[in-house]
Amino acid sequence: MNLITTATLHDLGIHKSDDEEQVLVEHFETTLNERVGMTVIDLLDDDQAKHLMELSKNGDQEETTAWLQKNIPEFEQIAQDEYDILLGELAESADKI
């Protein structure tokens, strides 16, 4: 999944202190994970959703991602779409940040 970097912020015209930029990057990543998670959870049956929650609690991001890619064929596209949407929202509000 694509992640935002401080270079991405700079490309969008967002220049803040290092600490503020790091907060924005972390907020973007958290928001992206939440949005992808909400979209994916709607595609799963109850057993799959329970298994995904258990994987997430264990904190193994690679295992969780591998499971998602195996069980949700469109996972990469969902993640990319949500990334693009969120990046667009960030770009639209860049002058207000």
C-alpha atoms as a PDB file:
ATOM      1  CA  MET A   1       0.000   0.000   0.000  1.00  0.00           C
ATOM      2  CA  ASN A   2       1.312   3.426  -0.866  1.00  0.00           C
ATOM      3  CA  LEU A   3       2.115   5.648   2.043  1.00  0.00           C
ATOM      4  CA  ILE A   4       2.582   9.364   2.207  1.00  0.00           C
ATOM      5  CA  THR A   5       5.963  10.890   2.977  1.00  0.00           C
ATOM      6  CA  THR A   6       7.143  14.364   3.812  1.00  0.00           C
ATOM      7  CA  ALA A   7       8.270  14.599   0.170  1.00  0.00           C
ATOM      8  CA  THR A   8       4.657  13.959  -0.856  1.00  0.00           C
ATOM      9  CA  LEU A   9       3.556  16.786   1.427  1.00  0.00           C
ATOM     10  CA  HIS A  10       6.117  19.081  -0.166  1.00  0.00           C
ATOM     11  CA  ASP A  11       4.906  18.093  -3.649  1.00  0.00           C
ATOM     12  CA  LEU A  12       1.420  19.175  -2.543  1.00  0.00           C
ATOM     13  CA  GLY A  13       2.782  22.519  -1.371  1.00  0.00           C
ATOM     14  CA  ILE A  14       2.565  21.676   2.318  1.00  0.00           C
ATOM     15  CA  HIS A  15       5.604  22.902   4.209  1.00  0.00           C
ATOM     16  CA  LYS A  16       5.470  22.782   7.984  1.00  0.00           C
ATOM     17  CA  SER A  17       7.869  22.080  10.781  1.00  0.00           C
ATOM     18  CA  ASP A  18       9.305  18.571  10.874  1.00  0.00           C
ATOM     19  CA  ASP A  19       7.097  17.701  13.835  1.00  0.00           C
ATOM     20  CA  GLU A  20       3.928  19.009  12.159  1.00  0.00           C
ATOM     21  CA  GLU A  21       4.728  17.163   8.945  1.00  0.00           C
ATOM     22  CA  GLN A  22       5.284  13.941  10.882  1.00  0.00           C
ATOM     23  CA  VAL A  23       1.904  14.381  12.570  1.00  0.00           C
ATOM     24  CA  LEU A  24       0.282  14.846   9.140  1.00  0.00           C
ATOM     25  CA  VAL A  25       2.002  11.735   7.771  1.00  0.00           C
ATOM     26  CA  GLU A  26       0.860   9.676  10.758  1.00  0.00           C
ATOM     27  CA  HIS A  27      -2.685  11.043  10.498  1.00  0.00           C
ATOM     28  CA  PHE A  28      -2.784  10.213   6.784  1.00  0.00           C
ATOM     29  CA  GLU A  29      -1.604   6.652   7.401  1.00  0.00           C
ATOM     30  CA  THR A  30      -4.075   6.120  10.244  1.00  0.00           C
ATOM     31  CA  THR A  31      -6.950   7.512   8.209  1.00  0.00           C
ATOM     32  CA  LEU A  32      -5.956   5.432   5.188  1.00  0.00           C
ATOM     33  CA  ASN A  33      -5.823   2.246   7.249  1.00  0.00           C
ATOM     34  CA  GLU A  34      -9.232   3.001   8.768  1.00  0.00           C
ATOM     35  CA  ARG A  35     -10.845   3.663   5.394  1.00  0.00           C
ATOM     36  CA  VAL A  36      -9.367   0.582   3.758  1.00  0.00           C
ATOM     37  CA  GLY A  37     -10.376  -1.466   6.792  1.00  0.00           C
ATOM     38  CA  MET A  38     -13.973  -0.249   6.679  1.00  0.00           C
ATOM     39  CA  THR A  39     -14.243  -1.009   2.971  1.00  0.00           C
ATOM     40  CA  VAL A  40     -12.713  -4.462   3.342  1.00  0.00           C
ATOM     41  CA  ILE A  41     -14.762  -5.459   6.373  1.00  0.00           C
ATOM     42  CA  ASP A  42     -17.942  -4.896   4.350  1.00  0.00           C
ATOM     43  CA  LEU A  43     -16.732  -7.537   1.872  1.00  0.00           C
ATOM     44  CA  LEU A  44     -16.103 -10.251   4.462  1.00  0.00           C
ATOM     45  CA  ASP A  45     -18.413 -12.779   6.036  1.00  0.00           C
ATOM     46  CA  ASP A  46     -18.537 -13.000   9.846  1.00  0.00           C
ATOM     47  CA  ASP A  47     -15.878 -15.721  10.111  1.00  0.00           C
ATOM     48  CA  GLN A  48     -13.493 -13.883   7.808  1.00  0.00           C
ATOM     49  CA  ALA A  49     -14.042 -10.622   9.679  1.00  0.00           C
ATOM     50  CA  LYS A  50     -13.312 -12.350  12.991  1.00  0.00           C
ATOM     51  CA  HIS A  51     -10.133 -13.888  11.572  1.00  0.00           C
ATOM     52  CA  LEU A  52      -9.000 -10.528  10.204  1.00  0.00           C
ATOM     53  CA  MET A  53      -9.558  -8.884  13.582  1.00  0.00           C
ATOM     54  CA  GLU A  54      -7.450 -11.592  15.241  1.00  0.00           C
ATOM     55  CA  LEU A  55      -4.665 -11.089  12.720  1.00  0.00           C
ATOM     56  CA  SER A  56      -4.781  -7.340  13.267  1.00  0.00           C
ATOM     57  CA  LYS A  57      -4.611  -7.734  17.046  1.00  0.00           C
ATOM     58  CA  ASN A  58      -1.486  -9.858  16.680  1.00  0.00           C
ATOM     59  CA  GLY A  59       0.145  -6.899  14.954  1.00  0.00           C
ATOM     60  CA  ASP A  60       1.855  -8.807  12.138  1.00  0.00           C
ATOM     61  CA  GLN A  61       1.286  -6.384   9.259  1.00  0.00           C
ATOM     62  CA  GLU A  62       2.887  -8.649   6.642  1.00  0.00           C
ATOM     63  CA  GLU A  63       0.722 -11.622   7.599  1.00  0.00           C
ATOM     64  CA  THR A  64      -2.404  -9.462   7.662  1.00  0.00           C
ATOM     65  CA  THR A  65      -1.629  -7.977   4.249  1.00  0.00           C
ATOM     66  CA  ALA A  66      -0.909 -11.416   2.784  1.00  0.00           C
ATOM     67  CA  TRP A  67      -4.237 -12.710   4.131  1.00  0.00           C
ATOM     68  CA  LEU A  68      -6.086  -9.713   2.682  1.00  0.00           C
ATOM     69  CA  GLN A  69      -4.466 -10.158  -0.726  1.00  0.00           C
ATOM     70  CA  LYS A  70      -5.406 -13.834  -0.729  1.00  0.00           C
ATOM     71  CA  ASN A  71      -8.994 -13.396   0.465  1.00  0.00           C
ATOM     72  CA  ILE A  72      -9.914 -10.081  -1.140  1.00  0.00           C
ATOM     73  CA  PRO A  73      -8.761 -10.189  -4.782  1.00  0.00           C
ATOM     74  CA  GLU A  74      -9.463  -6.476  -5.211  1.00  0.00           C
ATOM     75  CA  PHE A  75      -7.579  -5.477  -2.037  1.00  0.00           C
ATOM     76  CA  GLU A  76      -4.765  -3.670  -3.872  1.00  0.00           C
ATOM     77  CA  GLN A  77      -7.270  -1.666  -5.917  1.00  0.00           C
ATOM     78  CA  ILE A  78      -9.293  -0.785  -2.816  1.00  0.00           C
ATOM     79  CA  ALA A  79      -6.138   0.403  -1.065  1.00  0.00           C
ATOM     80  CA  GLN A  80      -5.032   2.420  -4.107  1.00  0.00           C
ATOM     81  CA  ASP A  81      -8.465   4.007  -4.532  1.00  0.00           C
ATOM     82  CA  GLU A  82      -8.621   5.055  -0.888  1.00  0.00           C
ATOM     83  CA  TYR A  83      -5.051   6.391  -1.090  1.00  0.00           C
ATOM     84  CA  ASP A  84      -5.914   8.456  -4.170  1.00  0.00           C
ATOM     85  CA  ILE A  85      -9.084   9.818  -2.564  1.00  0.00           C
ATOM     86  CA  LEU A  86      -7.309  10.760   0.647  1.00  0.00           C
ATOM     87  CA  LEU A  87      -4.389  12.324  -1.225  1.00  0.00           C
ATOM     88  CA  GLY A  88      -6.880  14.366  -3.244  1.00  0.00           C
ATOM     89  CA  GLU A  89      -8.555  15.553  -0.058  1.00  0.00           C
ATOM     90  CA  LEU A  90      -5.184  16.513   1.345  1.00  0.00           C
ATOM     91  CA  ALA A  91      -4.288  18.410  -1.834  1.00  0.00           C
ATOM     92  CA  GLU A  92      -7.631  20.270  -1.770  1.00  0.00           C
ATOM     93  CA  SER A  93      -7.079  21.392   1.802  1.00  0.00           C
ATOM     94  CA  ALA A  94      -3.330  22.044   1.510  1.00  0.00           C
ATOM     95  CA  ASP A  95      -3.755  25.809   1.706  1.00  0.00           C
ATOM     96  CA  LYS A  96      -5.747  25.451   4.949  1.00  0.00           C
ATOM     97  CA  ILE A  97      -3.225  23.227   6.684  1.00  0.00           C
END
